[in-house]
PDB file of N, CA and C in Angstrom:
ATOM      1  N   MET A   1       9.166-138.446 -51.364  1.00  0.00           N
ATOM      2  CA  MET A   1       9.941-136.954 -50.780  1.00  0.00           C
ATOM      3  C   MET A   1      10.148-137.395 -49.229  1.00  0.00           C
ATOM      4  N   ALA A   2      11.148-137.049 -48.811  1.00  0.00           N
ATOM      5  CA  ALA A   2      11.257-137.080 -47.098  1.00  0.00           C
ATOM      6  C   ALA A   2      11.264-135.907 -46.341  1.00  0.00           C
ATOM      7  N   TYR A   3      10.121-135.808 -45.286  1.00  0.00           N
ATOM      8  CA  TYR A   3      10.203-134.499 -44.774  1.00  0.00           C
ATOM      9  C   TYR A   3      10.859-134.475 -43.502  1.00  0.00           C
ATOM     10  N   ILE A   4      11.149-133.683 -43.111  1.00  0.00           N
ATOM     11  CA  ILE A   4      12.235-133.132 -41.918  1.00  0.00           C
ATOM     12  C   ILE A   4      11.417-133.219 -40.544  1.00  0.00           C
ATOM     13  N   TYR A   5      10.194-132.378 -40.847  1.00  0.00           N
ATOM     14  CA  TYR A   5       9.429-131.966 -39.791  1.00  0.00           C
ATOM     15  C   TYR A   5       8.154-133.179 -39.702  1.00  0.00           C
ATOM     16  N   THR A   6       7.575-133.354 -38.619  1.00  0.00           N
ATOM     17  CA  THR A   6       6.399-134.123 -38.211  1.00  0.00           C
ATOM     18  C   THR A   6       5.166-133.151 -37.489  1.00  0.00           C
ATOM     19  N   THR A   7       4.254-134.000 -37.900  1.00  0.00           N
ATOM     20  CA  THR A   7       3.055-133.025 -37.295  1.00  0.00           C
ATOM     21  C   THR A   7       2.761-133.098 -35.959  1.00  0.00           C
ATOM     22  N   PHE A   8       2.692-131.808 -35.155  1.00  0.00           N
ATOM     23  CA  PHE A   8       2.713-131.883 -33.536  1.00  0.00           C
ATOM     24  C   PHE A   8       1.455-132.789 -33.155  1.00  0.00           C
ATOM     25  N   ASP A   9       1.651-133.531 -32.298  1.00  0.00           N
ATOM     26  CA  ASP A   9       0.677-134.449 -31.715  1.00  0.00           C
ATOM     27  C   ASP A   9       0.428-134.025 -30.329  1.00  0.00           C
ATOM     28  N   PRO A  10      -0.774-133.335 -29.803  1.00  0.00           N
ATOM     29  CA  PRO A  10      -0.910-132.550 -28.627  1.00  0.00           C
ATOM     30  C   PRO A  10      -1.209-133.755 -27.929  1.00  0.00           C
ATOM     31  N   ILE A  11      -1.324-134.996 -28.102  1.00  0.00           N
ATOM     32  CA  ILE A  11      -1.611-136.042 -26.957  1.00  0.00           C
ATOM     33  C   ILE A  11      -0.325-136.696 -26.658  1.00  0.00           C
ATOM     34  N   ASP A  12       0.594-137.295 -27.849  1.00  0.00           N
ATOM     35  CA  ASP A  12       1.685-137.471 -27.508  1.00  0.00           C
ATOM     36  C   ASP A  12       3.017-136.497 -27.210  1.00  0.00           C
ATOM     37  N   ASP A  13       2.805-135.605 -27.394  1.00  0.00           N
ATOM     38  CA  ASP A  13       4.275-134.619 -27.401  1.00  0.00           C
ATOM     39  C   ASP A  13       3.790-133.513 -26.401  1.00  0.00           C
ATOM     40  N   ILE A  14       2.628-133.412 -25.379  1.00  0.00           N
ATOM     41  CA  ILE A  14       2.755-132.417 -24.372  1.00  0.00           C
ATOM     42  C   ILE A  14       2.457-133.336 -23.191  1.00  0.00           C
ATOM     43  N   VAL A  15       3.647-133.177 -21.993  1.00  0.00           N
ATOM     44  CA  VAL A  15       3.656-133.741 -21.111  1.00  0.00           C
ATOM     45  C   VAL A  15       2.743-132.847 -19.969  1.00  0.00           C
ATOM     46  N   THR A  16       1.976-133.399 -19.479  1.00  0.00           N
ATOM     47  CA  THR A  16       1.082-132.226 -18.383  1.00  0.00           C
ATOM     48  C   THR A  16       1.212-132.782 -16.948  1.00  0.00           C
ATOM     49  N   GLU A  17       2.083-133.973 -16.545  1.00  0.00           N
ATOM     50  CA  GLU A  17       1.686-134.493 -15.447  1.00  0.00           C
ATOM     51  C   GLU A  17       3.421-133.839 -14.411  1.00  0.00           C
ATOM     52  N   VAL A  18       4.116-133.001 -15.178  1.00  0.00           N
ATOM     53  CA  VAL A  18       5.483-132.586 -14.830  1.00  0.00           C
ATOM     54  C   VAL A  18       5.477-130.959 -14.730  1.00  0.00           C
ATOM     55  N   ALA A  19       5.931-130.836 -13.623  1.00  0.00           N
ATOM     56  CA  ALA A  19       5.852-129.208 -13.182  1.00  0.00           C
ATOM     57  C   ALA A  19       7.111-128.961 -12.690  1.00  0.00           C
ATOM     58  N   GLU A  20       7.652-127.823 -13.506  1.00  0.00           N
ATOM     59  CA  GLU A  20       9.240-127.843 -12.983  1.00  0.00           C
ATOM     60  C   GLU A  20       9.084-125.958 -13.068  1.00  0.00           C
ATOM     61  N   VAL A  21       9.563-125.372 -11.982  1.00  0.00           N
ATOM     62  CA  VAL A  21       9.836-123.707 -11.966  1.00  0.00           C
ATOM     63  C   VAL A  21      10.971-123.663 -11.937  1.00  0.00           C
ATOM     64  N   GLN A  22      11.445-122.635 -13.048  1.00  0.00           N
ATOM     65  CA  GLN A  22      12.576-122.492 -13.305  1.00  0.00           C
ATOM     66  C   GLN A  22      12.475-120.632 -13.033  1.00  0.00           C
ATOM     67  N   THR A  23      13.627-120.137 -12.102  1.00  0.00           N
ATOM     68  CA  THR A  23      13.632-118.999 -12.086  1.00  0.00           C
ATOM     69  C   THR A  23      15.129-118.506 -12.339  1.00  0.00           C
ATOM     70  N   ALA A  24      15.627-117.407 -12.333  1.00  0.00           N
ATOM     71  CA  ALA A  24      17.008-116.902 -12.386  1.00  0.00           C
ATOM     72  C   ALA A  24      16.902-115.317 -12.127  1.00  0.00           C
ATOM     73  N   PRO A  25      17.739-114.587 -11.415  1.00  0.00           N
ATOM     74  CA  PRO A  25      17.815-113.131 -11.388  1.00  0.00           C
ATOM     75  C   PRO A  25      17.902-112.436 -12.761  1.00  0.00           C
ATOM     76  N   ILE A  26      17.716-111.535 -12.810  1.00  0.00           N
ATOM     77  CA  ILE A  26      17.784-110.462 -14.258  1.00  0.00           C
ATOM     78  C   ILE A  26      18.758-109.515 -13.949  1.00  0.00           C
ATOM     79  N   TRP A  27      19.167-109.244 -12.971  1.00  0.00           N
ATOM     80  CA  TRP A  27      20.167-108.226 -12.984  1.00  0.00           C
ATOM     81  C   TRP A  27      21.543-108.786 -13.009  1.00  0.00           C
ATOM     82  N   SER A  28      22.614-107.997 -13.364  1.00  0.00           N
ATOM     83  CA  SER A  28      24.114-108.599 -13.355  1.00  0.00           C
ATOM     84  C   SER A  28      24.812-108.710 -12.399  1.00  0.00           C
ATOM     85  N   ASP A  29      24.462-108.577 -11.032  1.00  0.00           N
ATOM     86  CA  ASP A  29      25.107-108.826 -10.035  1.00  0.00           C
ATOM     87  C   ASP A  29      24.301-109.936  -9.189  1.00  0.00           C
ATOM     88  N   ASN A  30      23.638-110.969 -10.025  1.00  0.00           N
ATOM     89  CA  ASN A  30      22.860-112.453  -9.839  1.00  0.00           C
ATOM     90  C   ASN A  30      21.746-112.255  -8.523  1.00  0.00           C
ATOM     91  N   THR A  31      21.000-111.101  -8.756  1.00  0.00           N
ATOM     92  CA  THR A  31      19.836-110.672  -7.726  1.00  0.00           C
ATOM     93  C   THR A  31      18.915-110.692  -8.579  1.00  0.00           C
ATOM     94  N   ALA A  32      17.540-110.988  -7.691  1.00  0.00           N
ATOM     95  CA  ALA A  32      16.394-110.998  -8.468  1.00  0.00           C
ATOM     96  C   ALA A  32      15.574-109.544  -8.552  1.00  0.00           C
ATOM     97  N   THR A  33      16.209-108.267  -7.337  1.00  0.00           N
ATOM     98  CA  THR A  33      15.684-106.910  -7.334  1.00  0.00           C
ATOM     99  C   THR A  33      16.937-105.969  -7.563  1.00  0.00           C
ATOM    100  N   LEU A  34      16.053-104.792  -8.048  1.00  0.00           N
ATOM    101  CA  LEU A  34      17.486-103.638  -8.203  1.00  0.00           C
ATOM    102  C   LEU A  34      17.012-102.800  -7.327  1.00  0.00           C
ATOM    103  N   SER A  35      17.256-102.537  -6.544  1.00  0.00           N
ATOM    104  CA  SER A  35      16.735-101.684  -5.277  1.00  0.00           C
ATOM    105  C   SER A  35      17.055-100.176  -5.511  1.00  0.00           C
ATOM    106  N   ALA A  36      18.421 -99.843  -6.664  1.00  0.00           N
ATOM    107  CA  ALA A  36      18.452 -98.643  -6.535  1.00  0.00           C
ATOM    108  C   ALA A  36      19.245 -98.536  -7.870  1.00  0.00           C
ATOM    109  N   PHE A  37      19.146 -97.167  -8.796  1.00  0.00           N
ATOM    110  CA  PHE A  37      19.825 -97.449 -10.138  1.00  0.00           C
ATOM    111  C   PHE A  37      20.120 -95.955 -10.206  1.00  0.00           C
ATOM    112  N   PHE A  38      20.991 -95.877 -11.101  1.00  0.00           N
ATOM    113  CA  PHE A  38      21.845 -94.683 -11.409  1.00  0.00           C
ATOM    114  C   PHE A  38      21.826 -94.285 -12.740  1.00  0.00           C
ATOM    115  N   THR A  39      22.085 -93.141 -13.543  1.00  0.00           N
ATOM    116  CA  THR A  39      22.955 -92.684 -14.600  1.00  0.00           C
ATOM    117  C   THR A  39      23.911 -92.224 -14.333  1.00  0.00           C
ATOM    118  N   SER A  40      24.857 -92.032 -15.462  1.00  0.00           N
ATOM    119  CA  SER A  40      26.016 -91.681 -15.347  1.00  0.00           C
ATOM    120  C   SER A  40      26.758 -90.541 -16.031  1.00  0.00           C
ATOM    121  N   SER A  41      27.128 -89.254 -15.630  1.00  0.00           N
ATOM    122  CA  SER A  41      27.317 -88.232 -16.131  1.00  0.00           C
ATOM    123  C   SER A  41      28.409 -88.311 -17.386  1.00  0.00           C
ATOM    124  N   ALA A  42      29.340 -89.627 -17.072  1.00  0.00           N
ATOM    125  CA  ALA A  42      30.407 -89.844 -18.166  1.00  0.00           C
ATOM    126  C   ALA A  42      29.521 -90.236 -19.451  1.00  0.00           C
ATOM    127  N   GLN A  43      28.579 -90.819 -19.596  1.00  0.00           N
ATOM    128  CA  GLN A  43      27.513 -91.231 -20.769  1.00  0.00           C
ATOM    129  C   GLN A  43      27.583 -89.922 -21.660  1.00  0.00           C
ATOM    130  N   SER A  44      27.495 -88.450 -20.955  1.00  0.00           N
ATOM    131  CA  SER A  44      26.924 -87.195 -21.622  1.00  0.00           C
ATOM    132  C   SER A  44      28.284 -87.194 -22.776  1.00  0.00           C
ATOM    133  N   SER A  45      29.536 -87.723 -22.759  1.00  0.00           N
ATOM    134  CA  SER A  45      30.412 -87.647 -23.564  1.00  0.00           C
ATOM    135  C   SER A  45      30.270 -88.715 -24.996  1.00  0.00           C
ATOM    136  N   SER A  46      29.207 -89.400 -24.812  1.00  0.00           N
ATOM    137  CA  SER A  46      28.753 -90.540 -25.840  1.00  0.00           C
ATOM    138  C   SER A  46      27.980 -90.151 -26.776  1.00  0.00           C
ATOM    139  N   ALA A  47      28.111 -90.417 -28.184  1.00  0.00           N
ATOM    140  CA  ALA A  47      27.433 -89.964 -29.110  1.00  0.00           C
ATOM    141  C   ALA A  47      25.893 -90.283 -29.084  1.00  0.00           C
ATOM    142  N   ASN A  48      25.818 -91.543 -28.455  1.00  0.00           N
ATOM    143  CA  ASN A  48      24.397 -92.281 -28.196  1.00  0.00           C
ATOM    144  C   ASN A  48      23.877 -91.345 -27.021  1.00  0.00           C
ATOM    145  N   VAL A  49      24.036 -90.530 -26.128  1.00  0.00           N
ATOM    146  CA  VAL A  49      23.259 -89.943 -25.297  1.00  0.00           C
ATOM    147  C   VAL A  49      22.119 -89.133 -25.878  1.00  0.00           C
ATOM    148  N   ASN A  50      22.251 -88.849 -27.083  1.00  0.00           N
ATOM    149  CA  ASN A  50      21.275 -88.549 -27.783  1.00  0.00           C
ATOM    150  C   ASN A  50      19.734 -89.030 -28.092  1.00  0.00           C
ATOM    151  N   SER A  51      20.278 -90.295 -28.037  1.00  0.00           N
ATOM    152  CA  SER A  51      19.230 -91.582 -28.392  1.00  0.00           C
ATOM    153  C   SER A  51      18.589 -92.250 -27.066  1.00  0.00           C
ATOM    154  N   TYR A  52      19.295 -92.497 -26.130  1.00  0.00           N
ATOM    155  CA  TYR A  52      19.056 -93.398 -25.072  1.00  0.00           C
ATOM    156  C   TYR A  52      19.920 -93.250 -23.965  1.00  0.00           C
ATOM    157  N   LEU A  53      19.438 -93.622 -22.694  1.00  0.00           N
ATOM    158  CA  LEU A  53      20.336 -93.157 -21.426  1.00  0.00           C
ATOM    159  C   LEU A  53      20.609 -94.313 -20.700  1.00  0.00           C
ATOM    160  N   ASP A  54      21.744 -94.821 -20.255  1.00  0.00           N
ATOM    161  CA  ASP A  54      21.951 -96.340 -19.768  1.00  0.00           C
ATOM    162  C   ASP A  54      21.618 -95.879 -18.254  1.00  0.00           C
ATOM    163  N   ILE A  55      21.152 -97.052 -17.907  1.00  0.00           N
ATOM    164  CA  ILE A  55      20.772 -97.198 -16.501  1.00  0.00           C
ATOM    165  C   ILE A  55      21.945 -98.304 -15.721  1.00  0.00           C
ATOM    166  N   LEU A  56      22.210 -97.701 -14.671  1.00  0.00           N
ATOM    167  CA  LEU A  56      23.585 -98.293 -14.087  1.00  0.00           C
ATOM    168  C   LEU A  56      22.736 -99.223 -12.563  1.00  0.00           C
ATOM    169  N   ASN A  57      23.791-100.255 -12.199  1.00  0.00           N
ATOM    170  CA  ASN A  57      23.423-100.594 -10.469  1.00  0.00           C
ATOM    171  C   ASN A  57      24.159 -99.699  -9.744  1.00  0.00           C
ATOM    172  N   GLY A  58      25.001 -98.740  -9.919  1.00  0.00           N
ATOM    173  CA  GLY A  58      25.805 -98.155  -9.050  1.00  0.00           C
ATOM    174  C   GLY A  58      26.236 -96.833  -9.477  1.00  0.00           C
ATOM    175  N   THR A  59      27.205 -95.916  -8.597  1.00  0.00           N
ATOM    176  CA  THR A  59      27.735 -95.096  -9.073  1.00  0.00           C
ATOM    177  C   THR A  59      29.099 -94.977  -9.260  1.00  0.00           C
ATOM    178  N   SER A  60      29.904 -96.439  -9.090  1.00  0.00           N
ATOM    179  CA  SER A  60      31.034 -96.432  -9.254  1.00  0.00           C
ATOM    180  C   SER A  60      31.600 -96.579 -10.612  1.00  0.00           C
ATOM    181  N   ALA A  61      33.015 -96.685 -11.004  1.00  0.00           N
ATOM    182  CA  ALA A  61      33.415 -96.945 -12.289  1.00  0.00           C
ATOM    183  C   ALA A  61      33.058 -98.292 -13.019  1.00  0.00           C
ATOM    184  N   THR A  62      33.000 -99.150 -11.448  1.00  0.00           N
ATOM    185  CA  THR A  62      32.917-100.684 -12.125  1.00  0.00           C
ATOM    186  C   THR A  62      31.233-100.958 -12.040  1.00  0.00           C
ATOM    187  N   SER A  63      30.520 -99.977 -12.340  1.00  0.00           N
ATOM    188  CA  SER A  63      28.873-100.426 -12.389  1.00  0.00           C
ATOM    189  C   SER A  63      28.655-100.709 -13.682  1.00  0.00           C
ATOM    190  N   THR A  64      27.482-101.649 -13.595  1.00  0.00           N
ATOM    191  CA  THR A  64      27.328-102.284 -14.733  1.00  0.00           C
ATOM    192  C   THR A  64      25.918-101.767 -15.472  1.00  0.00           C
ATOM    193  N   THR A  65      26.082-101.508 -16.690  1.00  0.00           N
ATOM    194  CA  THR A  65      24.500-101.034 -17.379  1.00  0.00           C
ATOM    195  C   THR A  65      23.514-102.558 -16.940  1.00  0.00           C
ATOM    196  N   GLN A  66      22.326-102.036 -16.571  1.00  0.00           N
ATOM    197  CA  GLN A  66      21.261-102.828 -16.360  1.00  0.00           C
ATOM    198  C   GLN A  66      20.205-102.662 -17.502  1.00  0.00           C
ATOM    199  N   PHE A  67      19.743-101.707 -17.750  1.00  0.00           N
ATOM    200  CA  PHE A  67      18.943-101.426 -18.787  1.00  0.00           C
ATOM    201  C   PHE A  67      19.103-100.000 -19.642  1.00  0.00           C
ATOM    202  N   ALA A  68      18.589 -99.887 -20.805  1.00  0.00           N
ATOM    203  CA  ALA A  68      18.523 -98.429 -21.359  1.00  0.00           C
ATOM    204  C   ALA A  68      17.208 -98.183 -21.336  1.00  0.00           C
ATOM    205  N   ILE A  69      17.331 -96.689 -21.252  1.00  0.00           N
ATOM    206  CA  ILE A  69      15.719 -96.070 -21.701  1.00  0.00           C
ATOM    207  C   ILE A  69      15.958 -94.797 -23.132  1.00  0.00           C
ATOM    208  N   ALA A  70      14.895 -95.203 -23.917  1.00  0.00           N
ATOM    209  CA  ALA A  70      14.864 -94.070 -24.948  1.00  0.00           C
ATOM    210  C   ALA A  70      13.601 -93.523 -25.036  1.00  0.00           C
ATOM    211  N   TYR A  71      13.585 -92.163 -25.802  1.00  0.00           N
ATOM    212  CA  TYR A  71      12.396 -91.264 -25.526  1.00  0.00           C
ATOM    213  C   TYR A  71      12.048 -91.358 -27.247  1.00  0.00           C
ATOM    214  N   GLY A  72      10.964 -91.381 -27.719  1.00  0.00           N
ATOM    215  CA  GLY A  72      10.611 -91.074 -29.091  1.00  0.00           C
ATOM    216  C   GLY A  72       9.644 -90.032 -29.151  1.00  0.00           C
ATOM    217  N   HIS A  73       9.682 -89.578 -30.643  1.00  0.00           N
ATOM    218  CA  HIS A  73       8.310 -88.412 -30.547  1.00  0.00           C
ATOM    219  C   HIS A  73       8.152 -88.366 -31.913  1.00  0.00           C
ATOM    220  N   TYR A  74       7.180 -88.397 -32.412  1.00  0.00           N
ATOM    221  CA  TYR A  74       6.727 -88.612 -33.859  1.00  0.00           C
ATOM    222  C   TYR A  74       7.073 -87.526 -34.409  1.00  0.00           C
ATOM    223  N   ALA A  75       7.308 -86.293 -34.184  1.00  0.00           N
ATOM    224  CA  ALA A  75       7.965 -84.880 -34.883  1.00  0.00           C
ATOM    225  C   ALA A  75       9.556 -84.708 -34.738  1.00  0.00           C
ATOM    226  N   GLY A  76       9.695 -85.357 -33.562  1.00  0.00           N
ATOM    227  CA  GLY A  76      11.444 -85.260 -33.366  1.00  0.00           C
ATOM    228  C   GLY A  76      11.327 -84.239 -32.072  1.00  0.00           C
ATOM    229  N   SER A  77      10.500 -83.822 -31.649  1.00  0.00           N
ATOM    230  CA  SER A  77      10.368 -83.063 -30.166  1.00  0.00           C
ATOM    231  C   SER A  77      11.059 -83.565 -29.296  1.00  0.00           C
ATOM    232  N   GLY A  78      11.585 -82.651 -28.408  1.00  0.00           N
ATOM    233  CA  GLY A  78      12.336 -83.106 -27.023  1.00  0.00           C
ATOM    234  C   GLY A  78      14.197 -83.527 -27.661  1.00  0.00           C
ATOM    235  N   SER A  79      14.394 -83.451 -28.461  1.00  0.00           N
ATOM    236  CA  SER A  79      15.801 -83.593 -29.026  1.00  0.00           C
ATOM    237  C   SER A  79      16.072 -82.393 -30.026  1.00  0.00           C
ATOM    238  N   VAL A  80      17.257 -82.483 -30.183  1.00  0.00           N
ATOM    239  CA  VAL A  80      17.983 -81.329 -31.070  1.00  0.00           C
ATOM    240  C   VAL A  80      18.272 -82.212 -32.655  1.00  0.00           C
ATOM    241  N   ASP A  81      17.884 -81.481 -33.516  1.00  0.00           N
ATOM    242  CA  ASP A  81      18.512 -82.056 -34.750  1.00  0.00           C
ATOM    243  C   ASP A  81      19.484 -82.617 -34.980  1.00  0.00           C
ATOM    244  N   TYR A  82      20.037 -83.605 -36.047  1.00  0.00           N
ATOM    245  CA  TYR A  82      21.278 -84.083 -35.986  1.00  0.00           C
ATOM    246  C   TYR A  82      22.066 -83.222 -36.849  1.00  0.00           C
ATOM    247  N   ASP A  83      21.532 -82.054 -37.720  1.00  0.00           N
ATOM    248  CA  ASP A  83      22.206 -81.595 -38.459  1.00  0.00           C
ATOM    249  C   ASP A  83      21.241 -80.595 -39.094  1.00  0.00           C
ATOM    250  N   ASN A  84      21.268 -79.099 -38.361  1.00  0.00           N
ATOM    251  CA  ASN A  84      20.368 -78.308 -38.747  1.00  0.00           C
ATOM    252  C   ASN A  84      20.290 -77.639 -40.171  1.00  0.00           C
ATOM    253  N   THR A  85      21.324 -78.002 -40.744  1.00  0.00           N
ATOM    254  CA  THR A  85      21.422 -77.434 -42.325  1.00  0.00           C
ATOM    255  C   THR A  85      21.068 -78.300 -43.493  1.00  0.00           C
ATOM    256  N   SER A  86      21.443 -79.515 -43.325  1.00  0.00           N
ATOM    257  CA  SER A  86      20.912 -80.314 -44.315  1.00  0.00           C
ATOM    258  C   SER A  86      19.777 -81.480 -43.822  1.00  0.00           C
ATOM    259  N   LYS A  87      19.627 -81.175 -42.755  1.00  0.00           N
ATOM    260  CA  LYS A  87      18.454 -82.333 -42.456  1.00  0.00           C
ATOM    261  C   LYS A  87      17.818 -81.938 -41.440  1.00  0.00           C
ATOM    262  N   PRO A  88      16.899 -80.787 -41.577  1.00  0.00           N
ATOM    263  CA  PRO A  88      16.044 -80.098 -40.628  1.00  0.00           C
ATOM    264  C   PRO A  88      14.903 -81.119 -40.425  1.00  0.00           C
ATOM    265  N   GLY A  89      14.439 -81.248 -39.277  1.00  0.00           N
ATOM    266  CA  GLY A  89      13.715 -82.172 -38.517  1.00  0.00           C
ATOM    267  C   GLY A  89      14.099 -83.698 -38.027  1.00  0.00           C
ATOM    268  N   VAL A  90      14.978 -83.883 -38.604  1.00  0.00           N
ATOM    269  CA  VAL A  90      15.710 -85.325 -38.273  1.00  0.00           C
ATOM    270  C   VAL A  90      16.545 -85.421 -36.838  1.00  0.00           C
ATOM    271  N   SER A  91      15.802 -85.665 -35.929  1.00  0.00           N
ATOM    272  CA  SER A  91      16.760 -85.755 -34.638  1.00  0.00           C
ATOM    273  C   SER A  91      16.217 -86.994 -34.063  1.00  0.00           C
ATOM    274  N   PRO A  92      17.235 -87.331 -32.550  1.00  0.00           N
ATOM    275  CA  PRO A  92      17.257 -88.656 -32.360  1.00  0.00           C
ATOM    276  C   PRO A  92      15.726 -89.266 -31.815  1.00  0.00           C
ATOM    277  N   SER A  93      15.018 -88.187 -31.426  1.00  0.00           N
ATOM    278  CA  SER A  93      13.651 -88.828 -30.771  1.00  0.00           C
ATOM    279  C   SER A  93      12.914 -89.139 -31.906  1.00  0.00           C
ATOM    280  N   ARG A  94      12.965 -88.691 -33.101  1.00  0.00           N
ATOM    281  CA  ARG A  94      12.078 -88.584 -34.254  1.00  0.00           C
ATOM    282  C   ARG A  94      12.620 -90.215 -34.768  1.00  0.00           C
ATOM    283  N   ALA A  95      13.793 -90.196 -34.662  1.00  0.00           N
ATOM    284  CA  ALA A  95      14.609 -91.796 -35.357  1.00  0.00           C
ATOM    285  C   ALA A  95      13.935 -92.720 -34.293  1.00  0.00           C
ATOM    286  N   ILE A  96      14.095 -92.685 -32.927  1.00  0.00           N
ATOM    287  CA  ILE A  96      13.482 -93.648 -31.899  1.00  0.00           C
ATOM    288  C   ILE A  96      12.157 -94.249 -32.357  1.00  0.00           C
ATOM    289  N   TYR A  97      11.333 -92.828 -32.660  1.00  0.00           N
ATOM    290  CA  TYR A  97       9.805 -93.122 -32.666  1.00  0.00           C
ATOM    291  C   TYR A  97       9.897 -93.832 -33.943  1.00  0.00           C
ATOM    292  N   GLY A  98      10.461 -93.362 -35.064  1.00  0.00           N
ATOM    293  CA  GLY A  98      10.671 -94.047 -36.296  1.00  0.00           C
ATOM    294  C   GLY A  98      10.833 -95.675 -36.218  1.00  0.00           C
ATOM    295  N   GLN A  99      11.521 -96.099 -35.558  1.00  0.00           N
ATOM    296  CA  GLN A  99      12.194 -97.264 -34.959  1.00  0.00           C
ATOM    297  C   GLN A  99      11.175 -98.643 -34.786  1.00  0.00           C
ATOM    298  N   TYR A 100      10.355 -97.887 -33.458  1.00  0.00           N
ATOM    299  CA  TYR A 100       9.530 -98.578 -33.018  1.00  0.00           C
ATOM    300  C   TYR A 100       8.103 -98.587 -33.823  1.00  0.00           C
ATOM    301  N   ALA A 101       7.700 -97.566 -34.543  1.00  0.00           N
ATOM    302  CA  ALA A 101       6.620 -97.515 -35.443  1.00  0.00           C
ATOM    303  C   ALA A 101       7.022 -98.641 -36.257  1.00  0.00           C
ATOM    304  N   ASN A 102       8.288 -98.685 -37.057  1.00  0.00           N
ATOM    305  CA  ASN A 102       8.420 -99.383 -38.180  1.00  0.00           C
ATOM    306  C   ASN A 102       7.871-101.127 -37.758  1.00  0.00           C
ATOM    307  N   LEU A 103       8.311-101.244 -36.760  1.00  0.00           N
ATOM    308  CA  LEU A 103       8.318-102.502 -35.778  1.00  0.00           C
ATOM    309  C   LEU A 103       6.597-103.021 -35.281  1.00  0.00           C
ATOM    310  N   LEU A 104       6.179-102.069 -34.915  1.00  0.00           N
ATOM    311  CA  LEU A 104       4.957-102.392 -34.062  1.00  0.00           C
ATOM    312  C   LEU A 104       3.812-101.789 -34.699  1.00  0.00           C
ATOM    313  N   LEU A 105       3.546-100.990 -35.789  1.00  0.00           N
ATOM    314  CA  LEU A 105       2.341-100.346 -36.359  1.00  0.00           C
ATOM    315  C   LEU A 105       2.530-101.008 -37.730  1.00  0.00           C
ATOM    316  N   ALA A 106       0.948-101.217 -38.159  1.00  0.00           N
ATOM    317  CA  ALA A 106       0.777-101.892 -39.374  1.00  0.00           C
ATOM    318  C   ALA A 106       1.285-100.686 -40.509  1.00  0.00           C
ATOM    319  N   ASP A 107       1.215-101.582 -41.667  1.00  0.00           N
ATOM    320  CA  ASP A 107       1.469-100.058 -42.872  1.00  0.00           C
ATOM    321  C   ASP A 107       0.711 -99.424 -42.784  1.00  0.00           C
ATOM    322  N   GLY A 108       0.984 -98.135 -43.093  1.00  0.00           N
ATOM    323  CA  GLY A 108       0.417 -97.001 -43.558  1.00  0.00           C
ATOM    324  C   GLY A 108      -0.309 -96.255 -42.036  1.00  0.00           C
ATOM    325  N   VAL A 109      -0.124 -96.871 -41.001  1.00  0.00           N
ATOM    326  CA  VAL A 109      -0.579 -95.919 -39.523  1.00  0.00           C
ATOM    327  C   VAL A 109       1.001 -95.589 -39.125  1.00  0.00           C
ATOM    328  N   ASP A 110       0.771 -94.387 -38.793  1.00  0.00           N
ATOM    329  CA  ASP A 110       2.066 -93.549 -38.239  1.00  0.00           C
ATOM    330  C   ASP A 110       1.923 -93.341 -37.028  1.00  0.00           C
ATOM    331  N   LYS A 111       1.094 -93.178 -36.345  1.00  0.00           N
ATOM    332  CA  LYS A 111       0.976 -93.177 -34.744  1.00  0.00           C
ATOM    333  C   LYS A 111       0.440 -94.018 -34.118  1.00  0.00           C
ATOM    334  N   PHE A 112       0.731 -94.539 -32.747  1.00  0.00           N
ATOM    335  CA  PHE A 112      -0.027 -95.020 -31.946  1.00  0.00           C
ATOM    336  C   PHE A 112      -1.158 -94.811 -31.243  1.00  0.00           C
ATOM    337  N   THR A 113      -1.956 -95.788 -31.028  1.00  0.00           N
ATOM    338  CA  THR A 113      -3.300 -95.245 -30.248  1.00  0.00           C
ATOM    339  C   THR A 113      -3.245 -96.285 -29.199  1.00  0.00           C
ATOM    340  N   ILE A 114      -3.831 -95.350 -28.097  1.00  0.00           N
ATOM    341  CA  ILE A 114      -3.759 -96.176 -26.701  1.00  0.00           C
ATOM    342  C   ILE A 114      -4.956 -95.777 -26.196  1.00  0.00           C
ATOM    343  N   GLY A 115      -6.028 -96.717 -26.007  1.00  0.00           N
ATOM    344  CA  GLY A 115      -7.306 -96.142 -25.557  1.00  0.00           C
ATOM    345  C   GLY A 115      -8.112 -95.468 -26.023  1.00  0.00           C
ATOM    346  N   GLY A 116      -7.970 -95.864 -27.298  1.00  0.00           N
ATOM    347  CA  GLY A 116      -8.449 -95.023 -28.662  1.00  0.00           C
ATOM    348  C   GLY A 116      -8.050 -93.467 -28.898  1.00  0.00           C
ATOM    349  N   VAL A 117      -7.078 -93.137 -27.897  1.00  0.00           N
ATOM    350  CA  VAL A 117      -6.358 -91.736 -28.293  1.00  0.00           C
ATOM    351  C   VAL A 117      -4.984 -91.960 -29.062  1.00  0.00           C
ATOM    352  N   GLU A 118      -4.844 -91.265 -30.286  1.00  0.00           N
ATOM    353  CA  GLU A 118      -3.662 -91.065 -30.719  1.00  0.00           C
ATOM    354  C   GLU A 118      -2.435 -90.554 -30.159  1.00  0.00           C
ATOM    355  N   VAL A 119      -1.354 -91.066 -29.824  1.00  0.00           N
ATOM    356  CA  VAL A 119      -0.322 -90.173 -29.054  1.00  0.00           C
ATOM    357  C   VAL A 119       1.069 -90.061 -29.911  1.00  0.00           C
ATOM    358  N   ASP A 120       1.644 -89.080 -29.661  1.00  0.00           N
ATOM    359  CA  ASP A 120       3.038 -89.320 -30.849  1.00  0.00           C
ATOM    360  C   ASP A 120       4.226 -89.149 -30.026  1.00  0.00           C
ATOM    361  N   THR A 121       4.143 -89.526 -28.523  1.00  0.00           N
ATOM    362  CA  THR A 121       5.386 -89.891 -27.979  1.00  0.00           C
ATOM    363  C   THR A 121       5.274 -91.320 -27.463  1.00  0.00           C
ATOM    364  N   PHE A 122       6.852 -91.960 -27.714  1.00  0.00           N
ATOM    365  CA  PHE A 122       6.653 -93.203 -27.161  1.00  0.00           C
ATOM    366  C   PHE A 122       7.848 -93.171 -26.289  1.00  0.00           C
TER     367      PHE A 122
END
């Protein structure tokens, strides 16, 4: 049987005498710093505004989204339910919290613990 992989050899496979620093700007205008950032009132017409908020590098129509922020709460506090009649208690902030909890918490654990304190806001 032929194997595709070989065992990793720390002596032969690691080069220690060569150092190369690699850096690259992280912002869309090829700069390493973002000295000011803005939100846009135009986003308020988007359906996603209930889930997250885009942060832009300027105030003009050509500004580029640099990152987005989201708010999550265990019980859905901080945002209006999607549909008060058929899904009470299902809100964007509860959905955000649930997504991060599913990714980061162990099975059976519902809330994050920070410094020994259980928190319900993410």
